[in-house]
Amino acid sequence: MIGILGATGAVGRTAAQRIAAYGLGPLRIGGRNLKAAADLAASLATPAHADLSASSAGSAHAVRVDLNDPAELAAFCDGCRIVVSCAGPTYQVLDTVARAAFAAGADYVDIGGELAAKDALAGDVAAGERVAVFSAGVMPGLSGLLPRLLAKGRPLRRLDVYVGGAAVFTPLSAVDALLTRGPRFGEPMAAWRDGRVAPNTLAPLHQVRLPGFPVPVHAWPYLTTEAQTLGAATGAGEVRSYNVFVSNRLPEALAATWAEVPDARPEALAPHAETVVRASLRDNADFGAFYVMLFTARPRPGTPPGPTRVLLTAVDSYALSGVVMALATRAVSTGSVPAGVHLAAEVLDPDAITAALQKDALVGGLTIE
């Protein structure tokens, strides 16, 4: 049994569909809205999922569950082999569901969490016996995994990361975006240089044309903790990481809220999520929907030849995150991930994930050159 929380949301629906299509086992679809969960469970047995094995076809059922109710959460996890959480705000969930999964003897996959959730499980005995994979989405997740394709077998002089586009925020994802500030998430205007964070070394790029992006964009430097780990793991001399926007509306909406609300709690930020949502809707109205991940490498002199660019394009970043969640679940299910608490970018196989993404209909293109 694989239990999927938040399965009816923007990310969870695609994750559930892919997990079902991979035939990983019977599914338990969880959510606060039982009817929506039941409708999704019923749809997983339709001809669209005819590639399911006979033993797992049609074996999805819905359960009402509130993550804030310990008894309901424990009952949901009971009997599951893997618990998958697409629920949010992800930085409010943190290690709550992981602990419930461990208590039920299940492994765990989460769309978010990052270092805050990983650190919260430090020292937990069960964490050394079970598997937990956090940040198994697009960013963080793919944004730290795909660049590793450029660093295989050779040190890089410089690695640049550009991720973003025009995506409509949901209220929950807006709260998540507002929560991703502070040293446990990253540092604005910083770069990674010679093994350490170099603060205040980069400036925003305005109205620049970047490969794969259909329009000129604004790229704001933000050295995530994921990018810092990437620099250390690959031995890159420099890492520059940018969040990419089609206008200044979203950066301004985020900055205005942070200035007005220094309290970094979800309940304090939630009333301001609508400002972020409106900014994203205006961008979508002007530019349509697209999402691009661009990674470029500059090898050190004298190093072996290899690719210098990875480019992924998609329309829907939420659906793409759902695909990544399903692939991470498959990796855990097949024993490809060792016991312990991990971040997806550090433990998933970049070659295997790339091969799967290149075959997925929700990926517009994924090239390595």
Protein backbone atom coordinates (compact mmCIF):
# COMPACT_ATOMS: atom_id res chain seq x y z
CA MET A 1 0.00 0.00 0.00
CA ILE A 2 1.20 3.49 -0.91
CA GLY A 3 -0.58 6.31 0.89
CA ILE A 4 -0.71 9.69 -0.85
CA LEU A 5 -1.59 12.79 1.16
CA GLY A 6 -2.66 15.95 -0.65
CA ALA A 7 -3.41 13.81 -3.68
CA THR A 8 -6.17 16.07 -5.02
CA GLY A 9 -3.96 19.17 -5.16
CA ALA A 10 -1.99 20.66 -8.02
CA VAL A 11 1.04 18.42 -7.40
CA GLY A 12 -0.63 15.42 -5.80
CA ARG A 13 -2.99 14.58 -8.64
CA THR A 14 -0.14 14.08 -11.10
CA ALA A 15 1.90 12.20 -8.50
CA ALA A 16 -1.01 9.82 -7.89
CA GLN A 17 -1.59 9.29 -11.59
CA ARG A 18 2.07 8.49 -12.24
CA ILE A 19 2.42 6.23 -9.20
CA ALA A 20 -0.65 4.34 -10.37
CA ALA A 21 0.70 4.10 -13.92
CA TYR A 22 4.01 2.73 -12.62
CA GLY A 23 2.06 -0.09 -10.97
CA LEU A 24 3.85 0.27 -7.65
CA GLY A 25 0.98 -1.14 -5.62
CA PRO A 26 -2.48 -0.39 -4.26
CA LEU A 27 -3.06 3.26 -3.38
CA ARG A 28 -4.66 5.01 -0.42
CA ILE A 29 -5.76 8.49 -1.48
CA GLY A 30 -5.95 10.91 1.44
CA GLY A 31 -7.41 14.38 1.78
CA ARG A 32 -9.77 16.57 3.76
CA ASN A 33 -12.31 16.50 0.93
CA LEU A 34 -13.43 12.87 0.80
CA LYS A 35 -15.49 13.29 -2.38
CA ALA A 36 -12.57 14.79 -4.31
CA ALA A 37 -10.31 12.00 -3.05
CA ALA A 38 -12.88 9.36 -4.02
CA ASP A 39 -13.27 10.84 -7.50
CA LEU A 40 -9.51 10.70 -8.01
CA ALA A 41 -9.31 7.13 -6.71
CA ALA A 42 -12.04 6.08 -9.13
CA SER A 43 -10.29 7.78 -12.06
CA LEU A 44 -7.11 5.78 -11.47
CA ALA A 45 -8.92 2.64 -12.59
CA THR A 46 -9.96 4.11 -15.96
CA PRO A 47 -8.53 2.98 -19.33
CA ALA A 48 -6.04 5.87 -19.14
CA HIS A 49 -4.17 3.68 -16.66
CA ALA A 50 -4.45 0.46 -18.62
CA ASP A 51 -0.74 -0.22 -18.13
CA LEU A 52 -1.40 -1.13 -14.49
CA SER A 53 -0.78 -4.74 -13.54
CA ALA A 54 -3.86 -6.86 -12.98
CA SER A 55 -3.12 -7.04 -9.26
CA SER A 56 -3.06 -3.28 -8.79
CA ALA A 57 -5.61 -2.07 -11.35
CA GLY A 58 -8.54 -0.40 -9.69
CA SER A 59 -7.04 -0.81 -6.22
CA ALA A 60 -7.15 2.83 -5.16
CA HIS A 61 -9.41 3.91 -2.33
CA ALA A 62 -10.07 7.23 -0.62
CA VAL A 63 -9.70 8.12 3.05
CA ARG A 64 -10.53 11.40 4.75
CA VAL A 65 -7.56 12.61 6.76
CA ASP A 66 -6.58 15.83 8.50
CA LEU A 67 -2.83 16.19 8.99
CA ASN A 68 -3.47 18.20 12.14
CA ASP A 69 -5.31 15.27 13.75
CA PRO A 70 -2.69 12.82 15.10
CA ALA A 71 -5.18 9.95 15.33
CA GLU A 72 -6.40 10.38 11.74
CA LEU A 73 -2.84 10.69 10.47
CA ALA A 74 -1.74 7.57 12.34
CA ALA A 75 -4.70 5.62 10.97
CA PHE A 76 -3.92 6.78 7.43
CA CYS A 77 -0.28 5.65 7.68
CA ASP A 78 -1.13 2.28 9.26
CA GLY A 79 -0.61 -0.51 6.75
CA CYS A 80 1.28 1.63 4.22
CA ARG A 81 4.64 0.60 2.79
CA ILE A 82 5.36 4.17 1.66
CA VAL A 83 3.66 7.42 2.66
CA VAL A 84 3.85 10.21 0.08
CA SER A 85 3.06 13.78 1.12
CA CYS A 86 2.10 16.43 -1.43
CA ALA A 87 0.28 18.40 1.27
CA GLY A 88 1.11 21.92 2.27
CA PRO A 89 2.18 24.40 3.28
CA THR A 90 5.16 22.06 3.11
CA TYR A 91 7.22 24.10 5.56
CA GLN A 92 4.46 23.78 8.12
CA VAL A 93 4.25 20.01 7.68
CA LEU A 94 8.01 19.58 8.25
CA ASP A 95 8.65 16.23 10.02
CA THR A 96 5.07 15.66 11.28
CA VAL A 97 4.02 13.15 8.63
CA ALA A 98 7.45 11.53 8.44
CA ARG A 99 7.27 10.63 12.14
CA ALA A 100 3.78 9.18 11.68
CA ALA A 101 5.00 7.14 8.72
CA PHE A 102 8.00 5.84 10.65
CA ALA A 103 5.76 4.89 13.59
CA ALA A 104 3.68 2.82 11.16
CA GLY A 105 6.79 1.14 9.74
CA ALA A 106 6.55 3.00 6.42
CA ASP A 107 9.08 4.86 4.30
CA TYR A 108 8.40 8.47 3.35
CA VAL A 109 8.58 10.86 0.36
CA ASP A 110 7.82 14.60 0.68
CA ILE A 111 7.46 17.40 -1.86
CA GLY A 112 9.10 19.88 0.55
CA GLY A 113 10.82 20.11 3.89
CA GLU A 114 14.42 20.90 2.93
CA LEU A 115 17.02 21.12 5.69
CA ALA A 116 14.48 22.20 8.31
CA ALA A 117 12.64 18.87 8.10
CA LYS A 118 15.81 16.82 7.69
CA ASP A 119 17.37 18.43 10.74
CA ALA A 120 14.20 17.87 12.77
CA LEU A 121 14.65 14.11 12.33
CA ALA A 122 18.31 14.14 13.36
CA GLY A 123 18.91 11.56 16.06
CA ASP A 124 15.58 9.80 15.53
CA VAL A 125 16.22 6.06 15.83
CA ALA A 126 13.56 5.20 13.27
CA ALA A 127 15.16 7.58 10.77
CA GLY A 128 18.16 5.29 10.62
CA GLU A 129 16.02 2.27 9.86
CA ARG A 130 13.50 3.70 7.39
CA VAL A 131 13.87 5.83 4.26
CA ALA A 132 12.78 9.46 4.05
CA VAL A 133 13.26 11.65 0.96
CA PHE A 134 12.47 15.35 1.30
CA SER A 135 12.34 18.12 -1.33
CA ALA A 136 11.37 15.73 -4.11
CA GLY A 137 9.92 18.36 -6.42
CA VAL A 138 11.13 20.79 -9.05
CA MET A 139 12.81 23.41 -6.86
CA PRO A 140 14.23 22.17 -4.59
CA GLY A 141 14.74 18.78 -6.15
CA LEU A 142 15.42 18.79 -9.88
CA SER A 143 17.20 22.13 -9.50
CA GLY A 144 19.92 20.39 -7.50
CA LEU A 145 19.83 17.04 -9.28
CA LEU A 146 20.04 17.83 -12.99
CA PRO A 147 23.16 20.06 -12.72
CA ARG A 148 25.07 17.03 -11.47
CA LEU A 149 24.91 15.68 -15.02
CA LEU A 150 27.36 18.44 -15.98
CA ALA A 151 29.89 17.69 -13.26
CA LYS A 152 30.30 13.93 -13.65
CA GLY A 153 33.97 13.02 -13.70
CA ARG A 154 35.30 16.55 -13.93
CA PRO A 155 35.51 19.65 -11.74
CA LEU A 156 33.76 22.76 -12.97
CA ARG A 157 35.10 26.28 -12.95
CA ARG A 158 31.57 27.68 -12.81
CA LEU A 159 28.01 26.40 -12.71
CA ASP A 160 24.98 28.63 -13.38
CA VAL A 161 21.41 27.73 -12.39
CA TYR A 162 18.35 29.51 -13.83
CA VAL A 163 14.91 28.25 -12.80
CA GLY A 164 11.50 29.85 -13.25
CA GLY A 165 9.03 31.23 -15.74
CA ALA A 166 5.35 32.12 -15.59
CA ALA A 167 3.45 29.86 -13.21
CA VAL A 168 0.24 30.60 -11.33
CA PHE A 169 0.68 30.31 -7.58
CA THR A 170 -1.93 28.57 -5.47
CA PRO A 171 -2.61 30.02 -2.00
CA LEU A 172 -0.64 27.17 -0.40
CA SER A 173 2.32 27.52 -2.75
CA ALA A 174 2.28 31.28 -2.14
CA VAL A 175 2.63 30.66 1.60
CA ASP A 176 5.46 28.22 0.90
CA ALA A 177 7.22 30.85 -1.20
CA LEU A 178 6.83 33.41 1.58
CA LEU A 179 8.25 30.95 4.10
CA THR A 180 11.43 30.24 2.12
CA ARG A 181 13.61 32.90 3.64
CA GLY A 182 16.38 32.82 6.17
CA PRO A 183 19.71 30.98 6.38
CA ARG A 184 18.13 27.50 6.33
CA PHE A 185 16.82 28.20 2.83
CA GLY A 186 19.39 30.46 1.16
CA GLU A 187 20.93 33.89 0.80
CA PRO A 188 19.91 36.55 -1.73
CA MET A 189 22.52 38.22 -3.95
CA ALA A 190 25.15 35.65 -2.92
CA ALA A 191 27.30 33.23 -4.92
CA TRP A 192 29.24 30.11 -3.98
CA ARG A 193 32.94 30.75 -4.51
CA ASP A 194 35.95 28.64 -3.57
CA GLY A 195 34.08 26.49 -1.10
CA ARG A 196 32.09 29.12 0.77
CA VAL A 197 29.22 31.56 0.49
CA ALA A 198 30.28 34.91 -0.96
CA PRO A 199 27.58 37.38 0.19
CA ASN A 200 26.42 40.40 -1.81
CA THR A 201 28.43 39.53 -4.90
CA LEU A 202 25.72 39.29 -7.58
CA ALA A 203 23.14 41.73 -8.91
CA PRO A 204 19.75 41.06 -10.53
CA LEU A 205 19.67 40.61 -14.30
CA HIS A 206 16.84 42.55 -15.93
CA GLN A 207 15.27 41.91 -19.33
CA VAL A 208 17.87 39.30 -20.30
CA ARG A 209 17.45 36.65 -22.97
CA LEU A 210 18.31 33.15 -21.79
CA PRO A 211 18.25 29.90 -23.80
CA GLY A 212 14.92 28.12 -23.51
CA PHE A 213 13.00 31.09 -22.11
CA PRO A 214 10.53 32.36 -24.73
CA VAL A 215 10.64 35.99 -23.56
CA PRO A 216 13.17 38.32 -21.92
CA VAL A 217 13.21 37.66 -18.18
CA HIS A 218 14.35 39.02 -14.83
CA ALA A 219 16.81 36.77 -12.97
CA TRP A 220 17.23 37.38 -9.24
CA PRO A 221 20.27 35.86 -7.50
CA TYR A 222 19.32 33.55 -4.66
CA LEU A 223 21.90 31.05 -3.46
CA THR A 224 19.73 28.30 -2.02
CA THR A 225 21.11 25.86 0.51
CA GLU A 226 20.60 23.27 -2.23
CA ALA A 227 22.92 25.26 -4.52
CA GLN A 228 25.46 25.51 -1.73
CA THR A 229 25.41 21.74 -1.28
CA LEU A 230 25.67 21.36 -5.04
CA GLY A 231 28.80 23.52 -5.12
CA ALA A 232 30.42 21.56 -2.30
CA ALA A 233 29.48 18.17 -3.73
CA THR A 234 30.67 18.87 -7.27
CA GLY A 235 33.77 20.86 -6.36
CA ALA A 236 32.63 23.74 -8.56
CA GLY A 237 34.77 26.85 -8.16
CA GLU A 238 31.68 29.05 -8.43
CA VAL A 239 27.92 28.51 -8.41
CA ARG A 240 25.46 31.23 -9.40
CA SER A 241 21.80 30.45 -8.78
CA TYR A 242 18.91 32.59 -10.02
CA ASN A 243 15.14 32.60 -9.58
CA VAL A 244 13.68 33.68 -12.91
CA PHE A 245 10.54 35.80 -13.35
CA VAL A 246 8.83 37.24 -16.42
CA SER A 247 8.26 40.56 -14.66
CA ASN A 248 9.08 42.26 -11.37
CA ARG A 249 5.56 41.72 -10.00
CA LEU A 250 6.31 38.57 -8.02
CA PRO A 251 9.65 39.73 -6.57
CA GLU A 252 7.99 42.97 -5.52
CA ALA A 253 5.00 41.16 -3.99
CA LEU A 254 7.27 38.84 -2.01
CA ALA A 255 9.54 41.67 -0.86
CA ALA A 256 6.60 43.85 0.20
CA THR A 257 5.13 41.07 2.33
CA TRP A 258 8.47 40.26 3.96
CA ALA A 259 8.94 43.94 4.81
CA GLU A 260 5.45 44.20 6.27
CA VAL A 261 5.38 40.84 8.07
CA PRO A 262 8.68 39.94 9.75
CA ASP A 263 6.92 37.05 11.53
CA ALA A 264 7.89 33.92 9.57
CA ARG A 265 4.99 31.76 10.70
CA PRO A 266 2.48 30.34 8.18
CA GLU A 267 -0.51 31.79 10.04
CA ALA A 268 1.03 35.27 9.91
CA LEU A 269 1.89 35.05 6.23
CA ALA A 270 -1.27 33.32 4.96
CA PRO A 271 -3.38 36.52 4.81
CA HIS A 272 -0.80 38.00 2.43
CA ALA A 273 -0.70 35.01 0.07
CA GLU A 274 -3.39 36.56 -2.12
CA THR A 275 -1.00 39.37 -3.09
CA VAL A 276 1.44 36.81 -4.46
CA VAL A 277 -1.32 34.87 -6.20
CA ARG A 278 -2.61 38.03 -7.92
CA ALA A 279 0.89 38.92 -9.14
CA SER A 280 1.29 35.45 -10.65
CA LEU A 281 -2.12 35.65 -12.33
CA ARG A 282 -1.19 38.95 -13.97
CA ASP A 283 2.06 37.43 -15.24
CA ASN A 284 0.15 34.45 -16.58
CA ALA A 285 -2.33 36.72 -18.35
CA ASP A 286 0.49 38.63 -20.04
CA PHE A 287 2.88 35.76 -20.85
CA GLY A 288 0.96 32.48 -20.68
CA ALA A 289 2.27 29.50 -18.74
CA PHE A 290 5.77 28.08 -19.06
CA TYR A 291 8.53 26.75 -16.85
CA VAL A 292 12.20 26.44 -17.71
CA MET A 293 15.22 24.94 -15.97
CA LEU A 294 18.55 25.96 -17.47
CA PHE A 295 21.95 24.84 -16.17
CA THR A 296 25.21 25.87 -17.79
CA ALA A 297 28.74 24.75 -16.95
CA ARG A 298 32.19 26.12 -17.60
CA PRO A 299 34.76 23.33 -17.10
CA ARG A 300 38.17 23.94 -15.65
CA PRO A 301 40.98 24.09 -18.25
CA GLY A 302 42.39 20.71 -19.16
CA THR A 303 39.44 18.68 -17.87
CA PRO A 304 37.80 15.90 -19.93
CA PRO A 305 35.18 16.96 -22.47
CA GLY A 306 31.54 16.73 -21.52
CA PRO A 307 28.17 18.45 -21.73
CA THR A 308 27.97 22.12 -20.81
CA ARG A 309 24.22 22.68 -20.79
CA VAL A 310 21.07 20.99 -19.49
CA LEU A 311 17.75 22.50 -20.56
CA LEU A 312 14.30 21.37 -19.44
CA THR A 313 11.06 22.99 -20.58
CA ALA A 314 7.52 22.37 -19.38
CA VAL A 315 4.18 24.13 -19.18
CA ASP A 316 3.07 23.26 -15.65
CA SER A 317 5.61 23.33 -12.81
CA TYR A 318 3.14 21.73 -10.39
CA ALA A 319 2.52 18.77 -12.65
CA LEU A 320 6.26 18.45 -13.23
CA SER A 321 6.77 18.31 -9.45
CA GLY A 322 4.17 15.55 -9.34
CA VAL A 323 6.20 13.55 -11.84
CA VAL A 324 9.34 13.99 -9.74
CA MET A 325 7.44 12.88 -6.63
CA ALA A 326 6.32 9.73 -8.41
CA LEU A 327 9.84 8.98 -9.63
CA ALA A 328 11.22 9.45 -6.12
CA THR A 329 8.52 7.09 -4.81
CA ARG A 330 9.48 4.52 -7.42
CA ALA A 331 13.14 4.81 -6.42
CA VAL A 332 12.24 4.19 -2.76
CA SER A 333 9.89 1.34 -3.71
CA THR A 334 12.57 -0.47 -5.72
CA GLY A 335 15.22 -0.15 -3.00
CA SER A 336 17.32 2.37 -4.90
CA VAL A 337 17.47 4.71 -1.90
CA PRO A 338 19.35 3.60 1.24
CA ALA A 339 17.95 3.88 4.73
CA GLY A 340 18.22 7.31 6.32
CA VAL A 341 16.92 10.83 5.83
CA HIS A 342 17.85 12.39 2.48
CA LEU A 343 17.22 15.33 0.19
CA ALA A 344 16.12 14.21 -3.27
CA ALA A 345 18.85 16.08 -5.14
CA GLU A 346 21.52 14.29 -3.12
CA VAL A 347 20.24 10.72 -3.28
CA LEU A 348 18.31 10.16 -6.55
CA ASP A 349 20.15 8.94 -9.64
CA PRO A 350 20.32 11.88 -12.07
CA ASP A 351 20.72 9.60 -15.10
CA ALA A 352 17.69 7.48 -14.20
CA ILE A 353 15.52 10.50 -13.43
CA THR A 354 16.59 12.20 -16.67
CA ALA A 355 15.77 9.13 -18.76
CA ALA A 356 12.31 8.92 -17.20
CA LEU A 357 11.61 12.62 -17.64
CA GLN A 358 12.59 12.51 -21.30
CA LYS A 359 9.81 9.97 -21.85
CA ASP A 360 7.15 11.82 -19.86
CA ALA A 361 4.44 13.67 -21.77
CA LEU A 362 4.45 16.56 -19.29
CA VAL A 363 8.04 17.46 -20.15
CA GLY A 364 8.24 19.65 -23.23
CA GLY A 365 11.90 18.86 -23.75
CA LEU A 366 14.99 17.80 -21.81
CA THR A 367 18.30 18.13 -23.61
CA ILE A 368 21.88 17.63 -22.49
CA GLU A 369 24.51 19.08 -24.79
